[in-house]
Amino acid sequence: MTRQPAPASDPDADALPGDGRDESETERLDRNWNEMLQELRVAQTGTQILTGFLLTLPFQQRFTELDSFQLDVYLVLVVLAALSTGLGLAPVSLHRVLFRRRAKAQIVGVTDALLRATLAGIGLLLSGTSLLIFDVVVGRTAGIVAGGTALVVAALLWVVLPYGAGRTTTTNGR
């Protein structure tokens, strides 16, 4: 079997010309899938820790002191945590169903979308958790500032930075 690198015109190909990779389409998909699994492991761990934290709150003494805004934020956070956990686990089910059906390209493509949605959910979850904690401990204004700051930082680190770095990498050929 002759190995051919992914075509340079393929927007999903992360192998750049001259990067030393000599892999077939199947090998590239396998590598992408393995990289996504590593990303999922990191995302799932963080999501599970946040979810566990949120699920213990009702059993704390001060929980009964939350006002209606704080309770609403809490319930939204529980829904976001459940949604983010579900999104992060969906690739496992997808892989189980499509395993051995020669659908690796579909698995990788759908998993990419699921990972992006999971990260969005985690970003909102981090922001909302910051909002809730600061609101309870310091006050509403501090909560809004902390939540907004967490959301901006997540957007900068998870959206702006990667796209900016991707543009630099593509234009420099590195």
N, C-alpha and C. Protein backbone atom coordinates (compact mmCIF):
# COMPACT_ATOMS: atom_id res chain seq x y z
N MET A 1 0.84 -1.17 0.00
CA MET A 1 0.00 0.00 0.00
C MET A 1 0.89 1.24 0.00
N THR A 2 0.63 2.15 -0.90
CA THR A 2 1.40 3.39 -1.00
C THR A 2 0.81 4.43 -0.08
N ARG A 3 1.64 5.03 0.75
CA ARG A 3 1.16 6.08 1.64
C ARG A 3 1.18 7.40 0.92
N GLN A 4 0.08 8.12 1.06
CA GLN A 4 0.00 9.45 0.46
C GLN A 4 -0.41 10.43 1.53
N PRO A 5 0.33 11.54 1.64
CA PRO A 5 -0.07 12.54 2.62
C PRO A 5 -1.41 13.16 2.25
N ALA A 6 -2.10 13.67 3.25
CA ALA A 6 -3.38 14.33 3.00
C ALA A 6 -3.16 15.50 2.05
N PRO A 7 -4.08 15.71 1.10
CA PRO A 7 -3.92 16.82 0.17
C PRO A 7 -3.86 18.15 0.90
N ALA A 8 -3.01 19.05 0.43
CA ALA A 8 -2.85 20.37 1.07
C ALA A 8 -4.14 21.17 1.01
N SER A 9 -5.00 20.89 0.03
CA SER A 9 -6.25 21.64 -0.10
C SER A 9 -7.32 21.17 0.89
N ASP A 10 -7.08 20.05 1.59
CA ASP A 10 -8.04 19.53 2.56
C ASP A 10 -8.04 20.41 3.79
N PRO A 11 -9.13 21.17 4.07
CA PRO A 11 -9.14 22.08 5.20
C PRO A 11 -9.09 21.36 6.54
N ASP A 12 -9.44 20.08 6.57
CA ASP A 12 -9.40 19.33 7.82
C ASP A 12 -8.04 18.70 8.07
N ALA A 13 -7.18 18.73 7.09
CA ALA A 13 -5.87 18.12 7.25
C ALA A 13 -5.02 19.01 8.14
N ASP A 14 -4.42 18.40 9.17
CA ASP A 14 -3.56 19.20 10.03
C ASP A 14 -2.10 18.97 9.72
N ALA A 15 -1.82 18.12 8.74
CA ALA A 15 -0.45 17.92 8.32
C ALA A 15 -0.10 18.96 7.26
N LEU A 16 0.91 19.74 7.54
CA LEU A 16 1.34 20.75 6.60
C LEU A 16 2.40 20.17 5.68
N PRO A 17 2.50 20.68 4.46
CA PRO A 17 3.55 20.19 3.56
C PRO A 17 4.92 20.37 4.21
N GLY A 18 5.74 19.34 4.11
CA GLY A 18 7.09 19.43 4.64
C GLY A 18 7.19 19.22 6.14
N ASP A 19 6.13 18.73 6.79
CA ASP A 19 6.21 18.53 8.23
C ASP A 19 6.74 17.14 8.59
N GLY A 20 7.11 16.36 7.59
CA GLY A 20 7.72 15.06 7.83
C GLY A 20 6.72 13.91 7.97
N ARG A 21 5.45 14.22 7.88
CA ARG A 21 4.46 13.15 8.02
C ARG A 21 4.22 12.51 6.66
N ASP A 22 4.19 11.21 6.69
CA ASP A 22 3.90 10.44 5.49
C ASP A 22 2.85 9.43 5.90
N GLU A 23 1.58 9.87 5.87
CA GLU A 23 0.51 9.00 6.36
C GLU A 23 -0.64 8.97 5.37
N SER A 24 -1.31 7.84 5.39
CA SER A 24 -2.50 7.69 4.55
C SER A 24 -3.67 8.42 5.20
N GLU A 25 -4.74 8.52 4.48
CA GLU A 25 -5.96 9.14 5.02
C GLU A 25 -6.43 8.39 6.28
N THR A 26 -6.38 7.08 6.24
CA THR A 26 -6.79 6.26 7.38
C THR A 26 -5.88 6.50 8.57
N GLU A 27 -4.59 6.57 8.33
CA GLU A 27 -3.65 6.84 9.42
C GLU A 27 -3.88 8.23 10.02
N ARG A 28 -4.17 9.20 9.16
CA ARG A 28 -4.45 10.55 9.64
C ARG A 28 -5.70 10.56 10.51
N LEU A 29 -6.76 9.87 10.06
CA LEU A 29 -7.99 9.80 10.83
C LEU A 29 -7.77 9.10 12.17
N ASP A 30 -6.98 8.02 12.16
CA ASP A 30 -6.66 7.33 13.41
C ASP A 30 -5.91 8.26 14.37
N ARG A 31 -4.95 9.00 13.84
CA ARG A 31 -4.18 9.94 14.67
C ARG A 31 -5.10 11.03 15.21
N ASN A 32 -5.95 11.57 14.36
CA ASN A 32 -6.89 12.61 14.81
C ASN A 32 -7.82 12.08 15.89
N TRP A 33 -8.32 10.86 15.71
CA TRP A 33 -9.21 10.26 16.70
C TRP A 33 -8.48 10.11 18.04
N ASN A 34 -7.25 9.62 18.01
CA ASN A 34 -6.48 9.45 19.24
C ASN A 34 -6.22 10.80 19.93
N GLU A 35 -5.94 11.83 19.15
CA GLU A 35 -5.74 13.16 19.74
C GLU A 35 -7.03 13.68 20.36
N MET A 36 -8.15 13.43 19.70
CA MET A 36 -9.44 13.85 20.25
C MET A 36 -9.76 13.11 21.55
N LEU A 37 -9.41 11.84 21.61
CA LEU A 37 -9.63 11.08 22.85
C LEU A 37 -8.86 11.70 24.01
N GLN A 38 -7.64 12.14 23.75
CA GLN A 38 -6.86 12.79 24.80
C GLN A 38 -7.54 14.09 25.24
N GLU A 39 -8.04 14.86 24.28
CA GLU A 39 -8.74 16.11 24.61
C GLU A 39 -10.01 15.82 25.42
N LEU A 40 -10.73 14.77 25.03
CA LEU A 40 -11.94 14.38 25.76
C LEU A 40 -11.62 14.00 27.20
N ARG A 41 -10.52 13.31 27.41
CA ARG A 41 -10.15 12.91 28.77
C ARG A 41 -9.93 14.13 29.66
N VAL A 42 -9.27 15.13 29.13
CA VAL A 42 -9.03 16.36 29.90
C VAL A 42 -10.36 17.08 30.17
N ALA A 43 -11.16 17.23 29.13
CA ALA A 43 -12.44 17.95 29.28
C ALA A 43 -13.38 17.21 30.23
N GLN A 44 -13.43 15.91 30.13
CA GLN A 44 -14.33 15.14 30.99
C GLN A 44 -13.93 15.23 32.46
N THR A 45 -12.64 15.22 32.72
CA THR A 45 -12.18 15.32 34.11
C THR A 45 -12.61 16.65 34.71
N GLY A 46 -12.37 17.74 34.00
CA GLY A 46 -12.78 19.05 34.50
C GLY A 46 -14.28 19.17 34.67
N THR A 47 -15.02 18.65 33.72
CA THR A 47 -16.48 18.70 33.79
C THR A 47 -16.99 17.88 34.97
N GLN A 48 -16.41 16.72 35.17
CA GLN A 48 -16.84 15.86 36.28
C GLN A 48 -16.55 16.50 37.63
N ILE A 49 -15.42 17.18 37.76
CA ILE A 49 -15.09 17.85 39.02
C ILE A 49 -16.10 18.98 39.28
N LEU A 50 -16.37 19.79 38.26
CA LEU A 50 -17.35 20.87 38.42
C LEU A 50 -18.74 20.33 38.72
N THR A 51 -19.13 19.28 38.05
CA THR A 51 -20.44 18.68 38.28
C THR A 51 -20.54 18.14 39.70
N GLY A 52 -19.51 17.45 40.14
CA GLY A 52 -19.49 16.93 41.50
C GLY A 52 -19.61 18.04 42.53
N PHE A 53 -18.90 19.13 42.30
CA PHE A 53 -18.98 20.29 43.19
C PHE A 53 -20.41 20.81 43.25
N LEU A 54 -21.02 20.98 42.08
CA LEU A 54 -22.38 21.52 42.03
C LEU A 54 -23.39 20.58 42.71
N LEU A 55 -23.19 19.30 42.54
CA LEU A 55 -24.14 18.34 43.12
C LEU A 55 -24.04 18.26 44.64
N THR A 56 -22.92 18.69 45.22
CA THR A 56 -22.79 18.67 46.68
C THR A 56 -23.38 19.93 47.33
N LEU A 57 -23.56 20.99 46.58
CA LEU A 57 -24.03 22.26 47.16
C LEU A 57 -25.35 22.16 47.92
N PRO A 58 -26.36 21.48 47.41
CA PRO A 58 -27.63 21.44 48.16
C PRO A 58 -27.50 20.81 49.54
N PHE A 59 -26.43 20.08 49.78
CA PHE A 59 -26.26 19.41 51.06
C PHE A 59 -25.45 20.25 52.04
N GLN A 60 -25.11 21.47 51.64
CA GLN A 60 -24.39 22.39 52.52
C GLN A 60 -25.40 23.23 53.29
N GLN A 61 -25.04 23.62 54.51
CA GLN A 61 -25.94 24.38 55.37
C GLN A 61 -26.40 25.70 54.75
N ARG A 62 -25.49 26.42 54.12
CA ARG A 62 -25.82 27.75 53.60
C ARG A 62 -26.68 27.71 52.34
N PHE A 63 -26.88 26.54 51.75
CA PHE A 63 -27.65 26.45 50.51
C PHE A 63 -29.06 27.02 50.70
N THR A 64 -29.64 26.83 51.86
CA THR A 64 -31.01 27.32 52.13
C THR A 64 -31.06 28.85 52.18
N GLU A 65 -29.89 29.50 52.29
CA GLU A 65 -29.84 30.95 52.35
C GLU A 65 -29.76 31.60 50.97
N LEU A 66 -29.66 30.82 49.91
CA LEU A 66 -29.55 31.39 48.56
C LEU A 66 -30.84 32.11 48.19
N ASP A 67 -30.67 33.26 47.51
CA ASP A 67 -31.87 33.98 47.04
C ASP A 67 -32.32 33.37 45.71
N SER A 68 -33.41 33.88 45.17
CA SER A 68 -33.98 33.27 43.96
C SER A 68 -33.04 33.38 42.76
N PHE A 69 -32.30 34.49 42.63
CA PHE A 69 -31.33 34.63 41.54
C PHE A 69 -30.26 33.55 41.67
N GLN A 70 -29.73 33.37 42.86
CA GLN A 70 -28.68 32.38 43.08
C GLN A 70 -29.19 30.96 42.83
N LEU A 71 -30.41 30.68 43.24
CA LEU A 71 -31.00 29.36 42.96
C LEU A 71 -31.18 29.15 41.46
N ASP A 72 -31.63 30.19 40.75
CA ASP A 72 -31.78 30.08 39.29
C ASP A 72 -30.43 29.83 38.62
N VAL A 73 -29.40 30.57 39.04
CA VAL A 73 -28.06 30.37 38.48
C VAL A 73 -27.60 28.94 38.77
N TYR A 74 -27.81 28.49 40.00
CA TYR A 74 -27.42 27.13 40.37
C TYR A 74 -28.09 26.09 39.47
N LEU A 75 -29.39 26.22 39.29
CA LEU A 75 -30.12 25.24 38.46
C LEU A 75 -29.66 25.28 37.01
N VAL A 76 -29.39 26.46 36.49
CA VAL A 76 -28.85 26.57 35.13
C VAL A 76 -27.49 25.87 35.06
N LEU A 77 -26.68 26.05 36.09
CA LEU A 77 -25.37 25.40 36.12
C LEU A 77 -25.48 23.88 36.16
N VAL A 78 -26.44 23.37 36.90
CA VAL A 78 -26.63 21.91 36.94
C VAL A 78 -27.02 21.41 35.54
N VAL A 79 -27.89 22.13 34.86
CA VAL A 79 -28.29 21.75 33.50
C VAL A 79 -27.08 21.82 32.57
N LEU A 80 -26.29 22.91 32.67
CA LEU A 80 -25.08 23.03 31.84
C LEU A 80 -24.08 21.91 32.12
N ALA A 81 -23.94 21.56 33.40
CA ALA A 81 -23.02 20.48 33.76
C ALA A 81 -23.49 19.15 33.16
N ALA A 82 -24.78 18.88 33.26
CA ALA A 82 -25.32 17.64 32.69
C ALA A 82 -25.17 17.65 31.17
N LEU A 83 -25.45 18.77 30.54
CA LEU A 83 -25.33 18.89 29.09
C LEU A 83 -23.87 18.73 28.65
N SER A 84 -22.96 19.39 29.34
CA SER A 84 -21.54 19.29 29.00
C SER A 84 -21.03 17.86 29.19
N THR A 85 -21.47 17.22 30.25
CA THR A 85 -21.08 15.82 30.48
C THR A 85 -21.63 14.93 29.37
N GLY A 86 -22.89 15.14 29.01
CA GLY A 86 -23.49 14.35 27.93
C GLY A 86 -22.79 14.56 26.60
N LEU A 87 -22.46 15.82 26.29
CA LEU A 87 -21.75 16.11 25.05
C LEU A 87 -20.36 15.47 25.05
N GLY A 88 -19.70 15.53 26.20
CA GLY A 88 -18.36 14.96 26.30
C GLY A 88 -18.33 13.44 26.23
N LEU A 89 -19.43 12.81 26.60
CA LEU A 89 -19.51 11.35 26.54
C LEU A 89 -20.09 10.84 25.22
N ALA A 90 -20.73 11.70 24.47
CA ALA A 90 -21.37 11.29 23.21
C ALA A 90 -20.41 10.62 22.22
N PRO A 91 -19.16 11.08 22.09
CA PRO A 91 -18.26 10.39 21.15
C PRO A 91 -18.05 8.91 21.48
N VAL A 92 -18.16 8.55 22.75
CA VAL A 92 -18.01 7.14 23.12
C VAL A 92 -19.15 6.32 22.49
N SER A 93 -20.37 6.81 22.63
CA SER A 93 -21.52 6.13 22.04
C SER A 93 -21.42 6.11 20.52
N LEU A 94 -21.03 7.24 19.96
CA LEU A 94 -20.86 7.33 18.51
C LEU A 94 -19.86 6.29 18.02
N HIS A 95 -18.74 6.19 18.70
CA HIS A 95 -17.72 5.22 18.32
C HIS A 95 -18.24 3.79 18.47
N ARG A 96 -18.95 3.52 19.55
CA ARG A 96 -19.49 2.18 19.77
C ARG A 96 -20.43 1.78 18.64
N VAL A 97 -21.29 2.68 18.22
CA VAL A 97 -22.28 2.36 17.18
C VAL A 97 -21.61 2.24 15.81
N LEU A 98 -20.67 3.12 15.50
CA LEU A 98 -20.07 3.14 14.17
C LEU A 98 -18.76 2.34 14.06
N PHE A 99 -18.32 1.76 15.17
CA PHE A 99 -17.10 0.97 15.18
C PHE A 99 -17.17 -0.16 14.15
N ARG A 100 -16.13 -0.33 13.42
CA ARG A 100 -16.00 -1.36 12.39
C ARG A 100 -16.98 -1.20 11.22
N ARG A 101 -17.45 -0.01 11.03
CA ARG A 101 -18.34 0.25 9.88
C ARG A 101 -17.65 1.15 8.86
N ARG A 102 -16.36 1.28 8.98
CA ARG A 102 -15.58 2.13 8.06
C ARG A 102 -16.11 3.56 8.06
N ALA A 103 -16.40 4.05 9.26
CA ALA A 103 -16.98 5.39 9.39
C ALA A 103 -16.08 6.31 10.20
N LYS A 104 -14.77 6.06 10.17
CA LYS A 104 -13.85 6.86 10.99
C LYS A 104 -13.93 8.34 10.63
N ALA A 105 -14.09 8.66 9.36
CA ALA A 105 -14.18 10.07 8.97
C ALA A 105 -15.40 10.73 9.62
N GLN A 106 -16.52 10.03 9.64
CA GLN A 106 -17.72 10.56 10.28
C GLN A 106 -17.53 10.68 11.79
N ILE A 107 -16.91 9.67 12.39
CA ILE A 107 -16.66 9.70 13.83
C ILE A 107 -15.80 10.90 14.19
N VAL A 108 -14.72 11.10 13.45
CA VAL A 108 -13.81 12.21 13.72
C VAL A 108 -14.51 13.56 13.50
N GLY A 109 -15.28 13.67 12.42
CA GLY A 109 -15.99 14.93 12.14
C GLY A 109 -17.03 15.28 13.19
N VAL A 110 -17.84 14.31 13.57
CA VAL A 110 -18.87 14.56 14.57
C VAL A 110 -18.24 14.80 15.94
N THR A 111 -17.19 14.05 16.26
CA THR A 111 -16.51 14.24 17.54
C THR A 111 -15.90 15.63 17.63
N ASP A 112 -15.37 16.13 16.53
CA ASP A 112 -14.84 17.49 16.52
C ASP A 112 -15.93 18.48 16.91
N ALA A 113 -17.11 18.35 16.31
CA ALA A 113 -18.23 19.24 16.63
C ALA A 113 -18.67 19.08 18.09
N LEU A 114 -18.70 17.84 18.57
CA LEU A 114 -19.09 17.58 19.96
C LEU A 114 -18.08 18.18 20.94
N LEU A 115 -16.80 18.07 20.61
CA LEU A 115 -15.76 18.66 21.46
C LEU A 115 -15.89 20.18 21.53
N ARG A 116 -16.16 20.80 20.40
CA ARG A 116 -16.35 22.26 20.39
C ARG A 116 -17.55 22.66 21.24
N ALA A 117 -18.64 21.91 21.13
CA ALA A 117 -19.84 22.19 21.94
C ALA A 117 -19.56 21.94 23.42
N THR A 118 -18.79 20.90 23.71
CA THR A 118 -18.42 20.61 25.10
C THR A 118 -17.61 21.75 25.68
N LEU A 119 -16.64 22.25 24.92
CA LEU A 119 -15.84 23.38 25.40
C LEU A 119 -16.69 24.62 25.63
N ALA A 120 -17.65 24.87 24.76
CA ALA A 120 -18.55 26.01 24.96
C ALA A 120 -19.34 25.83 26.25
N GLY A 121 -19.85 24.63 26.47
CA GLY A 121 -20.59 24.35 27.70
C GLY A 121 -19.72 24.52 28.93
N ILE A 122 -18.48 24.03 28.86
CA ILE A 122 -17.56 24.17 29.99
C ILE A 122 -17.22 25.64 30.24
N GLY A 123 -17.05 26.41 29.17
CA GLY A 123 -16.79 27.83 29.34
C GLY A 123 -17.93 28.53 30.06
N LEU A 124 -19.16 28.22 29.67
CA LEU A 124 -20.32 28.79 30.36
C LEU A 124 -20.41 28.29 31.79
N LEU A 125 -20.08 27.03 31.98
CA LEU A 125 -20.11 26.44 33.32
C LEU A 125 -19.09 27.10 34.24
N LEU A 126 -17.87 27.32 33.75
CA LEU A 126 -16.85 28.01 34.54
C LEU A 126 -17.28 29.44 34.88
N SER A 127 -17.82 30.11 33.89
CA SER A 127 -18.28 31.47 34.09
C SER A 127 -19.41 31.53 35.12
N GLY A 128 -20.38 30.66 34.98
CA GLY A 128 -21.51 30.64 35.89
C GLY A 128 -21.13 30.23 37.30
N THR A 129 -20.18 29.30 37.41
CA THR A 129 -19.73 28.88 38.73
C THR A 129 -19.01 30.04 39.43
N SER A 130 -18.19 30.76 38.67
CA SER A 130 -17.52 31.95 39.23
C SER A 130 -18.56 32.97 39.67
N LEU A 131 -19.55 33.20 38.83
CA LEU A 131 -20.63 34.13 39.16
C LEU A 131 -21.30 33.72 40.47
N LEU A 132 -21.68 32.46 40.59
CA LEU A 132 -22.39 32.00 41.77
C LEU A 132 -21.54 32.12 43.04
N ILE A 133 -20.30 31.66 42.97
CA ILE A 133 -19.45 31.69 44.16
C ILE A 133 -19.19 33.12 44.61
N PHE A 134 -18.81 33.99 43.68
CA PHE A 134 -18.55 35.38 44.05
C PHE A 134 -19.82 36.08 44.53
N ASP A 135 -20.95 35.75 43.91
CA ASP A 135 -22.22 36.35 44.33
C ASP A 135 -22.55 35.98 45.77
N VAL A 136 -22.37 34.72 46.13
CA VAL A 136 -22.67 34.25 47.48
C VAL A 136 -21.66 34.81 48.50
N VAL A 137 -20.39 34.80 48.14
CA VAL A 137 -19.35 35.16 49.11
C VAL A 137 -19.15 36.67 49.23
N VAL A 138 -19.16 37.39 48.10
CA VAL A 138 -18.83 38.82 48.11
C VAL A 138 -20.03 39.71 47.80
N GLY A 139 -20.83 39.33 46.82
CA GLY A 139 -21.98 40.14 46.45
C GLY A 139 -22.27 40.05 44.97
N ARG A 140 -23.43 40.55 44.58
CA ARG A 140 -23.93 40.43 43.21
C ARG A 140 -22.99 41.08 42.19
N THR A 141 -22.54 42.30 42.47
CA THR A 141 -21.66 42.99 41.52
C THR A 141 -20.37 42.21 41.31
N ALA A 142 -19.78 41.76 42.39
CA ALA A 142 -18.55 40.96 42.28
C ALA A 142 -18.82 39.67 41.51
N GLY A 143 -19.98 39.09 41.72
CA GLY A 143 -20.34 37.87 41.00
C GLY A 143 -20.43 38.09 39.50
N ILE A 144 -21.09 39.18 39.13
CA ILE A 144 -21.23 39.49 37.70
C ILE A 144 -19.86 39.79 37.07
N VAL A 145 -19.03 40.53 37.79
CA VAL A 145 -17.68 40.83 37.28
C VAL A 145 -16.86 39.54 37.15
N ALA A 146 -16.90 38.70 38.18
CA ALA A 146 -16.13 37.44 38.14
C ALA A 146 -16.63 36.52 37.03
N GLY A 147 -17.94 36.39 36.90
CA GLY A 147 -18.51 35.54 35.85
C GLY A 147 -18.17 36.06 34.46
N GLY A 148 -18.31 37.36 34.27
CA GLY A 148 -17.98 37.96 32.98
C GLY A 148 -16.51 37.83 32.65
N THR A 149 -15.67 38.03 33.65
CA THR A 149 -14.22 37.90 33.45
C THR A 149 -13.86 36.47 33.07
N ALA A 150 -14.43 35.51 33.77
CA ALA A 150 -14.16 34.09 33.46
C ALA A 150 -14.59 33.76 32.03
N LEU A 151 -15.72 34.32 31.60
CA LEU A 151 -16.20 34.06 30.24
C LEU A 151 -15.28 34.68 29.20
N VAL A 152 -14.83 35.90 29.45
CA VAL A 152 -13.91 36.57 28.52
C VAL A 152 -12.58 35.83 28.45
N VAL A 153 -12.05 35.44 29.61
CA VAL A 153 -10.78 34.72 29.63
C VAL A 153 -10.91 33.39 28.88
N ALA A 154 -11.99 32.66 29.12
CA ALA A 154 -12.21 31.39 28.40
C ALA A 154 -12.29 31.63 26.90
N ALA A 155 -13.01 32.67 26.49
CA ALA A 155 -13.12 32.97 25.05
C ALA A 155 -11.75 33.35 24.46
N LEU A 156 -10.99 34.11 25.19
CA LEU A 156 -9.65 34.49 24.70
C LEU A 156 -8.74 33.27 24.58
N LEU A 157 -8.75 32.42 25.60
CA LEU A 157 -7.86 31.26 25.60
C LEU A 157 -8.31 30.15 24.68
N TRP A 158 -9.62 29.97 24.55
CA TRP A 158 -10.13 28.82 23.81
C TRP A 158 -10.59 29.15 22.39
N VAL A 159 -10.74 30.44 22.07
CA VAL A 159 -11.19 30.81 20.72
C VAL A 159 -10.16 31.71 20.05
N VAL A 160 -9.89 32.86 20.65
CA VAL A 160 -9.01 33.84 20.02
C VAL A 160 -7.59 33.30 19.89
N LEU A 161 -7.02 32.78 20.96
CA LEU A 161 -5.65 32.27 20.92
C LEU A 161 -5.46 31.16 19.89
N PRO A 162 -6.30 30.11 19.91
CA PRO A 162 -6.09 29.05 18.91
C PRO A 162 -6.23 29.53 17.46
N TYR A 163 -7.24 30.36 17.20
CA TYR A 163 -7.40 30.84 15.82
C TYR A 163 -6.26 31.76 15.42
N GLY A 164 -5.79 32.57 16.35
CA GLY A 164 -4.65 33.43 16.07
C GLY A 164 -3.39 32.63 15.82
N ALA A 165 -3.16 31.62 16.65
CA ALA A 165 -1.99 30.75 16.48
C ALA A 165 -2.10 29.96 15.18
N GLY A 166 -3.31 29.54 14.84
CA GLY A 166 -3.51 28.79 13.59
C GLY A 166 -3.20 29.63 12.37
N ARG A 167 -3.57 30.89 12.42
CA ARG A 167 -3.27 31.79 11.31
C ARG A 167 -1.79 32.00 11.15
N THR A 168 -1.09 32.16 12.27
CA THR A 168 0.36 32.35 12.24
C THR A 168 1.03 31.11 11.70
N THR A 169 0.59 29.93 12.15
CA THR A 169 1.18 28.67 11.72
C THR A 169 0.98 28.47 10.22
N THR A 170 -0.22 28.76 9.74
CA THR A 170 -0.52 28.57 8.32
C THR A 170 0.28 29.53 7.45
N THR A 171 0.38 30.78 7.88
CA THR A 171 1.07 31.76 7.04
C THR A 171 2.57 31.60 7.08
N ASN A 172 3.13 31.10 8.19
CA ASN A 172 4.58 30.91 8.29
C ASN A 172 5.02 29.55 7.79
N GLY A 173 4.08 28.64 7.58
CA GLY A 173 4.42 27.31 7.09
C GLY A 173 5.11 26.44 8.13
N ARG A 174 4.89 26.78 9.40
CA ARG A 174 5.51 25.99 10.48
C ARG A 174 4.54 25.03 11.07
